[in-house]
């Protein structure tokens, strides 16, 4: 009899392990809905940002997200926290914009592919970058994502032009990589765009500068 009850107890115990606790499921569901709502509100702010809006009153963000102003502040302590999440989200979306680029073949083809991708991404990320510049104390997460993006961008340039860099001594290779990295990042792009160049003109300037830097690397060092 005792063995039978023990066996029955084991069956019940096994069943309990297989059936999720309904209370836990409800908590998990609320957590997931909360996460989706936060992202929906952050995406609403990003859509305004992409349209050139530089001020983000809660009422306008709430209207764009299709939620109440009260719900915005239920999920975010203040608008700074919302902006922080939105900018972080946009920086994390960079990965979806990056495609594999050729690392061998004609130089002009590699340069053209790099410049096309960089010009498109840098123009797309500009509103978020300008907003980031207005944040006095970016969160550690924003700083981390930004640093990772810069490091990844430099690594890709090194991979694409490994052939050219590999022909140089360490010092000249580092100088060339520094130059290529500088002219294909947002700071230079923003300078060209705010100097009056159209996206097409800025892209042409980037392509010409990259080609000139690589051509300079082809020449032997001055005596």
C-alpha atoms as a PDB file:
ATOM      1  CA  UNK A   1       0.000   0.000   0.000  1.00  0.00           C
ATOM      2  CA  UNK A   2       2.776   2.414   0.909  1.00  0.00           C
ATOM      3  CA  UNK A   3       4.621   1.607  -2.302  1.00  0.00           C
ATOM      4  CA  UNK A   4       1.414   2.211  -4.259  1.00  0.00           C
ATOM      5  CA  UNK A   5       0.864   5.597  -2.619  1.00  0.00           C
ATOM      6  CA  UNK A   6       4.503   6.504  -3.195  1.00  0.00           C
ATOM      7  CA  UNK A   7       4.171   5.585  -6.856  1.00  0.00           C
ATOM      8  CA  UNK A   8       0.963   7.618  -7.137  1.00  0.00           C
ATOM      9  CA  UNK A   9       2.742  10.533  -5.479  1.00  0.00           C
ATOM     10  CA  UNK A  10       5.579  10.290  -7.966  1.00  0.00           C
ATOM     11  CA  UNK A  11       3.088  10.427 -10.844  1.00  0.00           C
ATOM     12  CA  UNK A  12       1.440  13.507  -9.375  1.00  0.00           C
ATOM     13  CA  UNK A  13       4.858  15.119  -8.811  1.00  0.00           C
ATOM     14  CA  UNK A  14       5.845  14.434 -12.408  1.00  0.00           C
ATOM     15  CA  UNK A  15       2.574  15.920 -13.620  1.00  0.00           C
ATOM     16  CA  UNK A  16       3.122  19.008 -11.498  1.00  0.00           C
ATOM     17  CA  UNK A  17       6.528  19.518 -13.126  1.00  0.00           C
ATOM     18  CA  UNK A  18       5.057  19.241 -16.597  1.00  0.00           C
ATOM     19  CA  UNK A  19       2.184  21.689 -16.058  1.00  0.00           C
ATOM     20  CA  UNK A  20       3.343  25.304 -15.806  1.00  0.00           C
ATOM     21  CA  UNK A  21       2.107  27.255 -12.836  1.00  0.00           C
ATOM     22  CA  UNK A  22      -0.764  29.471 -14.008  1.00  0.00           C
ATOM     23  CA  UNK A  23       0.344  32.301 -11.762  1.00  0.00           C
ATOM     24  CA  UNK A  24       3.826  32.267 -13.284  1.00  0.00           C
ATOM     25  CA  UNK A  25       2.313  32.209 -16.764  1.00  0.00           C
ATOM     26  CA  UNK A  26       0.235  35.281 -15.961  1.00  0.00           C
ATOM     27  CA  UNK A  27       3.296  37.119 -14.650  1.00  0.00           C
ATOM     28  CA  UNK A  28       5.332  36.152 -17.724  1.00  0.00           C
ATOM     29  CA  UNK A  29       2.496  37.292 -19.965  1.00  0.00           C
ATOM     30  CA  UNK A  30       2.296  40.667 -18.268  1.00  0.00           C
ATOM     31  CA  UNK A  31       6.065  41.042 -18.509  1.00  0.00           C
ATOM     32  CA  UNK A  32       6.021  40.278 -22.227  1.00  0.00           C
ATOM     33  CA  UNK A  33       3.131  42.665 -22.873  1.00  0.00           C
ATOM     34  CA  UNK A  34       4.961  45.351 -20.918  1.00  0.00           C
ATOM     35  CA  UNK A  35       8.101  44.809 -22.979  1.00  0.00           C
ATOM     36  CA  UNK A  36       6.153  45.060 -26.233  1.00  0.00           C
ATOM     37  CA  UNK A  37       4.426  48.239 -25.059  1.00  0.00           C
ATOM     38  CA  UNK A  38       7.756  49.834 -24.124  1.00  0.00           C
ATOM     39  CA  UNK A  39       9.163  49.002 -27.534  1.00  0.00           C
ATOM     40  CA  UNK A  40       6.021  50.311 -29.236  1.00  0.00           C
ATOM     41  CA  UNK A  41       6.364  53.636 -27.442  1.00  0.00           C
ATOM     42  CA  UNK A  42      10.099  53.814 -28.211  1.00  0.00           C
ATOM     43  CA  UNK A  43       9.417  53.065 -31.898  1.00  0.00           C
ATOM     44  CA  UNK A  44       6.820  55.848 -31.957  1.00  0.00           C
ATOM     45  CA  UNK A  45       9.462  58.288 -30.738  1.00  0.00           C
ATOM     46  CA  UNK A  46      11.877  56.998 -33.377  1.00  0.00           C
ATOM     47  CA  UNK A  47       9.317  57.533 -36.122  1.00  0.00           C
ATOM     48  CA  UNK A  48       8.929  61.152 -35.023  1.00  0.00           C
ATOM     49  CA  UNK A  49      12.689  61.505 -34.888  1.00  0.00           C
ATOM     50  CA  UNK A  50      12.991  60.181 -38.460  1.00  0.00           C
ATOM     51  CA  UNK A  51      10.559  62.885 -39.576  1.00  0.00           C
ATOM     52  CA  UNK A  52      12.865  65.569 -38.213  1.00  0.00           C
ATOM     53  CA  UNK A  53      11.079  66.226 -34.926  1.00  0.00           C
ATOM     54  CA  UNK A  54      13.548  67.470 -32.297  1.00  0.00           C
ATOM     55  CA  UNK A  55      11.186  67.885 -29.355  1.00  0.00           C
ATOM     56  CA  UNK A  56       9.274  64.909 -27.980  1.00  0.00           C
ATOM     57  CA  UNK A  57       6.322  65.927 -25.778  1.00  0.00           C
ATOM     58  CA  UNK A  58       4.752  62.925 -24.133  1.00  0.00           C
ATOM     59  CA  UNK A  59       1.347  63.679 -25.651  1.00  0.00           C
ATOM     60  CA  UNK A  60       2.710  63.522 -29.173  1.00  0.00           C
ATOM     61  CA  UNK A  61       4.623  60.303 -28.570  1.00  0.00           C
ATOM     62  CA  UNK A  62       1.557  58.743 -26.941  1.00  0.00           C
ATOM     63  CA  UNK A  63      -0.621  59.743 -29.904  1.00  0.00           C
ATOM     64  CA  UNK A  64       1.844  58.251 -32.383  1.00  0.00           C
ATOM     65  CA  UNK A  65       2.053  55.030 -30.342  1.00  0.00           C
ATOM     66  CA  UNK A  66      -1.719  54.801 -29.948  1.00  0.00           C
ATOM     67  CA  UNK A  67      -1.561  54.798 -26.164  1.00  0.00           C
ATOM     68  CA  UNK A  68      -2.433  57.220 -23.399  1.00  0.00           C
ATOM     69  CA  UNK A  69      -0.007  59.733 -21.918  1.00  0.00           C
ATOM     70  CA  UNK A  70      -0.565  58.019 -18.583  1.00  0.00           C
ATOM     71  CA  UNK A  71       0.635  54.713 -20.037  1.00  0.00           C
ATOM     72  CA  UNK A  72       3.819  56.363 -21.318  1.00  0.00           C
ATOM     73  CA  UNK A  73       4.719  57.413 -17.791  1.00  0.00           C
ATOM     74  CA  UNK A  74       3.626  54.067 -16.407  1.00  0.00           C
ATOM     75  CA  UNK A  75       6.461  52.475 -18.393  1.00  0.00           C
ATOM     76  CA  UNK A  76       9.010  55.309 -18.235  1.00  0.00           C
ATOM     77  CA  UNK A  77       9.977  57.440 -15.251  1.00  0.00           C
ATOM     78  CA  UNK A  78      10.451  60.460 -17.508  1.00  0.00           C
ATOM     79  CA  UNK A  79      11.018  61.386 -21.144  1.00  0.00           C
ATOM     80  CA  UNK A  80      14.793  61.146 -20.734  1.00  0.00           C
ATOM     81  CA  UNK A  81      14.449  57.463 -19.941  1.00  0.00           C
ATOM     82  CA  UNK A  82      12.266  56.965 -23.013  1.00  0.00           C
ATOM     83  CA  UNK A  83      14.718  58.809 -25.264  1.00  0.00           C
ATOM     84  CA  UNK A  84      17.534  56.726 -23.820  1.00  0.00           C
ATOM     85  CA  UNK A  85      15.743  53.492 -24.718  1.00  0.00           C
ATOM     86  CA  UNK A  86      14.771  54.751 -28.178  1.00  0.00           C
ATOM     87  CA  UNK A  87      18.308  55.805 -29.080  1.00  0.00           C
ATOM     88  CA  UNK A  88      19.706  52.524 -27.768  1.00  0.00           C
ATOM     89  CA  UNK A  89      17.117  50.633 -29.823  1.00  0.00           C
ATOM     90  CA  UNK A  90      18.072  52.541 -32.981  1.00  0.00           C
ATOM     91  CA  UNK A  91      21.771  51.895 -32.446  1.00  0.00           C
ATOM     92  CA  UNK A  92      21.064  48.187 -31.937  1.00  0.00           C
ATOM     93  CA  UNK A  93      19.112  48.171 -35.211  1.00  0.00           C
ATOM     94  CA  UNK A  94      22.352  48.979 -37.027  1.00  0.00           C
ATOM     95  CA  UNK A  95      23.114  45.269 -37.233  1.00  0.00           C
ATOM     96  CA  UNK A  96      20.069  44.770 -39.480  1.00  0.00           C
ATOM     97  CA  UNK A  97      21.413  47.381 -41.913  1.00  0.00           C
ATOM     98  CA  UNK A  98      24.818  45.760 -42.373  1.00  0.00           C
ATOM     99  CA  UNK A  99      25.339  43.317 -45.218  1.00  0.00           C
ATOM    100  CA  UNK A 100      28.443  41.264 -46.093  1.00  0.00           C
ATOM    101  CA  UNK A 101      30.860  43.221 -48.267  1.00  0.00           C
ATOM    102  CA  UNK A 102      33.516  41.908 -50.681  1.00  0.00           C
ATOM    103  CA  UNK A 103      36.953  41.464 -49.129  1.00  0.00           C
ATOM    104  CA  UNK A 104      38.693  40.540 -52.376  1.00  0.00           C
ATOM    105  CA  UNK A 105      38.496  41.480 -56.025  1.00  0.00           C
ATOM    106  CA  UNK A 106      38.974  44.815 -57.790  1.00  0.00           C
ATOM    107  CA  UNK A 107      39.642  47.740 -55.476  1.00  0.00           C
ATOM    108  CA  UNK A 108      37.006  49.924 -57.120  1.00  0.00           C
ATOM    109  CA  UNK A 109      34.362  47.261 -56.493  1.00  0.00           C
ATOM    110  CA  UNK A 110      35.272  46.965 -52.818  1.00  0.00           C
ATOM    111  CA  UNK A 111      35.352  50.725 -52.341  1.00  0.00           C
ATOM    112  CA  UNK A 112      32.016  51.162 -54.118  1.00  0.00           C
ATOM    113  CA  UNK A 113      30.323  48.505 -51.995  1.00  0.00           C
ATOM    114  CA  UNK A 114      31.677  49.954 -48.744  1.00  0.00           C
ATOM    115  CA  UNK A 115      30.736  53.520 -49.620  1.00  0.00           C
ATOM    116  CA  UNK A 116      27.218  52.586 -50.734  1.00  0.00           C
ATOM    117  CA  UNK A 117      26.527  50.815 -47.456  1.00  0.00           C
ATOM    118  CA  UNK A 118      28.146  53.418 -45.240  1.00  0.00           C
ATOM    119  CA  UNK A 119      26.385  56.337 -46.935  1.00  0.00           C
ATOM    120  CA  UNK A 120      23.002  54.658 -46.575  1.00  0.00           C
ATOM    121  CA  UNK A 121      23.534  53.734 -42.914  1.00  0.00           C
ATOM    122  CA  UNK A 122      25.069  57.051 -41.875  1.00  0.00           C
ATOM    123  CA  UNK A 123      22.207  59.030 -43.398  1.00  0.00           C
ATOM    124  CA  UNK A 124      19.686  56.732 -41.694  1.00  0.00           C
ATOM    125  CA  UNK A 125      21.358  56.967 -38.283  1.00  0.00           C
ATOM    126  CA  UNK A 126      21.775  60.770 -38.349  1.00  0.00           C
ATOM    127  CA  UNK A 127      18.569  61.679 -36.440  1.00  0.00           C
ATOM    128  CA  UNK A 128      19.462  59.308 -33.610  1.00  0.00           C
ATOM    129  CA  UNK A 129      23.053  60.543 -33.512  1.00  0.00           C
ATOM    130  CA  UNK A 130      21.901  64.157 -33.275  1.00  0.00           C
ATOM    131  CA  UNK A 131      19.538  63.229 -30.464  1.00  0.00           C
ATOM    132  CA  UNK A 132      22.356  61.368 -28.726  1.00  0.00           C
ATOM    133  CA  UNK A 133      24.489  64.519 -28.864  1.00  0.00           C
ATOM    134  CA  UNK A 134      21.803  66.325 -26.851  1.00  0.00           C
ATOM    135  CA  UNK A 135      21.876  63.730 -24.059  1.00  0.00           C
ATOM    136  CA  UNK A 136      24.139  65.069 -21.324  1.00  0.00           C
ATOM    137  CA  UNK A 137      24.757  61.740 -19.630  1.00  0.00           C
ATOM    138  CA  UNK A 138      24.192  58.783 -21.980  1.00  0.00           C
ATOM    139  CA  UNK A 139      23.410  55.517 -20.233  1.00  0.00           C
ATOM    140  CA  UNK A 140      26.104  52.841 -19.997  1.00  0.00           C
ATOM    141  CA  UNK A 141      24.099  50.779 -22.489  1.00  0.00           C
ATOM    142  CA  UNK A 142      24.131  53.592 -25.070  1.00  0.00           C
ATOM    143  CA  UNK A 143      27.871  54.026 -24.568  1.00  0.00           C
ATOM    144  CA  UNK A 144      28.443  50.290 -24.915  1.00  0.00           C
ATOM    145  CA  UNK A 145      26.409  49.985 -28.119  1.00  0.00           C
ATOM    146  CA  UNK A 146      28.104  53.069 -29.596  1.00  0.00           C
ATOM    147  CA  UNK A 147      31.584  51.773 -28.796  1.00  0.00           C
ATOM    148  CA  UNK A 148      30.729  48.375 -30.273  1.00  0.00           C
ATOM    149  CA  UNK A 149      29.444  50.005 -33.469  1.00  0.00           C
ATOM    150  CA  UNK A 150      32.642  52.029 -33.907  1.00  0.00           C
ATOM    151  CA  UNK A 151      34.823  48.979 -33.270  1.00  0.00           C
ATOM    152  CA  UNK A 152      32.833  46.851 -35.713  1.00  0.00           C
ATOM    153  CA  UNK A 153      32.996  49.554 -38.392  1.00  0.00           C
ATOM    154  CA  UNK A 154      36.786  49.792 -38.095  1.00  0.00           C
ATOM    155  CA  UNK A 155      37.160  46.012 -38.217  1.00  0.00           C
ATOM    156  CA  UNK A 156      35.113  45.811 -41.421  1.00  0.00           C
ATOM    157  CA  UNK A 157      37.299  48.431 -43.092  1.00  0.00           C
ATOM    158  CA  UNK A 158      40.394  46.461 -42.096  1.00  0.00           C
ATOM    159  CA  UNK A 159      38.914  43.288 -43.584  1.00  0.00           C
ATOM    160  CA  UNK A 160      37.844  44.923 -46.848  1.00  0.00           C
ATOM    161  CA  UNK A 161      41.261  46.472 -47.453  1.00  0.00           C
ATOM    162  CA  UNK A 162      43.402  43.731 -45.935  1.00  0.00           C
ATOM    163  CA  UNK A 163      45.235  43.376 -49.256  1.00  0.00           C
ATOM    164  CA  UNK A 164      46.335  47.019 -49.300  1.00  0.00           C
ATOM    165  CA  UNK A 165      47.089  47.164 -45.576  1.00  0.00           C
ATOM    166  CA  UNK A 166      49.056  43.923 -45.724  1.00  0.00           C
ATOM    167  CA  UNK A 167      51.593  45.414 -48.143  1.00  0.00           C
ATOM    168  CA  UNK A 168      52.585  48.135 -45.678  1.00  0.00           C
ATOM    169  CA  UNK A 169      54.709  48.098 -42.568  1.00  0.00           C
ATOM    170  CA  UNK A 170      52.842  48.230 -39.267  1.00  0.00           C
ATOM    171  CA  UNK A 171      53.170  52.002 -38.833  1.00  0.00           C
ATOM    172  CA  UNK A 172      51.954  52.935 -42.326  1.00  0.00           C
ATOM    173  CA  UNK A 173      49.195  50.324 -42.171  1.00  0.00           C
ATOM    174  CA  UNK A 174      47.914  51.804 -38.897  1.00  0.00           C
ATOM    175  CA  UNK A 175      47.976  55.322 -40.355  1.00  0.00           C
ATOM    176  CA  UNK A 176      46.107  54.220 -43.464  1.00  0.00           C
ATOM    177  CA  UNK A 177      43.510  52.371 -41.429  1.00  0.00           C
ATOM    178  CA  UNK A 178      43.032  55.425 -39.207  1.00  0.00           C
ATOM    179  CA  UNK A 179      42.361  57.546 -42.273  1.00  0.00           C
ATOM    180  CA  UNK A 180      39.990  55.064 -43.899  1.00  0.00           C
ATOM    181  CA  UNK A 181      38.122  54.646 -40.635  1.00  0.00           C
ATOM    182  CA  UNK A 182      37.799  58.404 -40.106  1.00  0.00           C
ATOM    183  CA  UNK A 183      36.363  59.215 -43.537  1.00  0.00           C
ATOM    184  CA  UNK A 184      33.786  56.413 -43.431  1.00  0.00           C
ATOM    185  CA  UNK A 185      32.252  57.205 -40.036  1.00  0.00           C
ATOM    186  CA  UNK A 186      29.447  59.518 -39.015  1.00  0.00           C
ATOM    187  CA  UNK A 187      31.530  62.535 -37.972  1.00  0.00           C
ATOM    188  CA  UNK A 188      32.896  63.059 -41.474  1.00  0.00           C
ATOM    189  CA  UNK A 189      29.554  62.254 -43.073  1.00  0.00           C
ATOM    190  CA  UNK A 190      27.809  64.838 -40.892  1.00  0.00           C
ATOM    191  CA  UNK A 191      30.474  67.425 -41.767  1.00  0.00           C
ATOM    192  CA  UNK A 192      29.863  66.912 -45.477  1.00  0.00           C
ATOM    193  CA  UNK A 193      26.087  66.991 -45.083  1.00  0.00           C
ATOM    194  CA  UNK A 194      26.054  70.138 -42.919  1.00  0.00           C
ATOM    195  CA  UNK A 195      28.485  71.810 -45.337  1.00  0.00           C
ATOM    196  CA  UNK A 196      25.780  71.743 -47.982  1.00  0.00           C
ATOM    197  CA  UNK A 197      26.461  68.506 -49.784  1.00  0.00           C
ATOM    198  CA  UNK A 198      23.529  66.326 -50.788  1.00  0.00           C
ATOM    199  CA  UNK A 199      23.618  62.635 -49.826  1.00  0.00           C
ATOM    200  CA  UNK A 200      24.808  61.839 -53.345  1.00  0.00           C
ATOM    201  CA  UNK A 201      27.563  64.457 -53.185  1.00  0.00           C
ATOM    202  CA  UNK A 202      28.642  63.304 -49.724  1.00  0.00           C
ATOM    203  CA  UNK A 203      28.793  59.743 -50.981  1.00  0.00           C
ATOM    204  CA  UNK A 204      30.931  60.814 -53.938  1.00  0.00           C
ATOM    205  CA  UNK A 205      33.253  62.714 -51.600  1.00  0.00           C
ATOM    206  CA  UNK A 206      33.637  59.633 -49.411  1.00  0.00           C
ATOM    207  CA  UNK A 207      34.409  57.411 -52.379  1.00  0.00           C
ATOM    208  CA  UNK A 208      36.992  59.827 -53.789  1.00  0.00           C
ATOM    209  CA  UNK A 209      38.667  60.241 -50.391  1.00  0.00           C
ATOM    210  CA  UNK A 210      38.886  56.484 -49.787  1.00  0.00           C
ATOM    211  CA  UNK A 211      40.385  55.932 -53.246  1.00  0.00           C
ATOM    212  CA  UNK A 212      42.905  58.728 -52.709  1.00  0.00           C
ATOM    213  CA  UNK A 213      43.987  57.337 -49.350  1.00  0.00           C
ATOM    214  CA  UNK A 214      44.486  53.882 -50.837  1.00  0.00           C
ATOM    215  CA  UNK A 215      46.424  55.343 -53.775  1.00  0.00           C
ATOM    216  CA  UNK A 216      48.678  57.203 -51.346  1.00  0.00           C
ATOM    217  CA  UNK A 217      49.342  53.897 -49.607  1.00  0.00           C
ATOM    218  CA  UNK A 218      50.487  52.429 -52.938  1.00  0.00           C
ATOM    219  CA  UNK A 219      53.322  54.938 -53.191  1.00  0.00           C
ATOM    220  CA  UNK A 220      56.633  54.183 -51.489  1.00  0.00           C
ATOM    221  CA  UNK A 221      57.330  56.214 -48.378  1.00  0.00           C
ATOM    222  CA  UNK A 222      59.160  59.497 -48.830  1.00  0.00           C
ATOM    223  CA  UNK A 223      62.870  59.335 -48.200  1.00  0.00           C
END
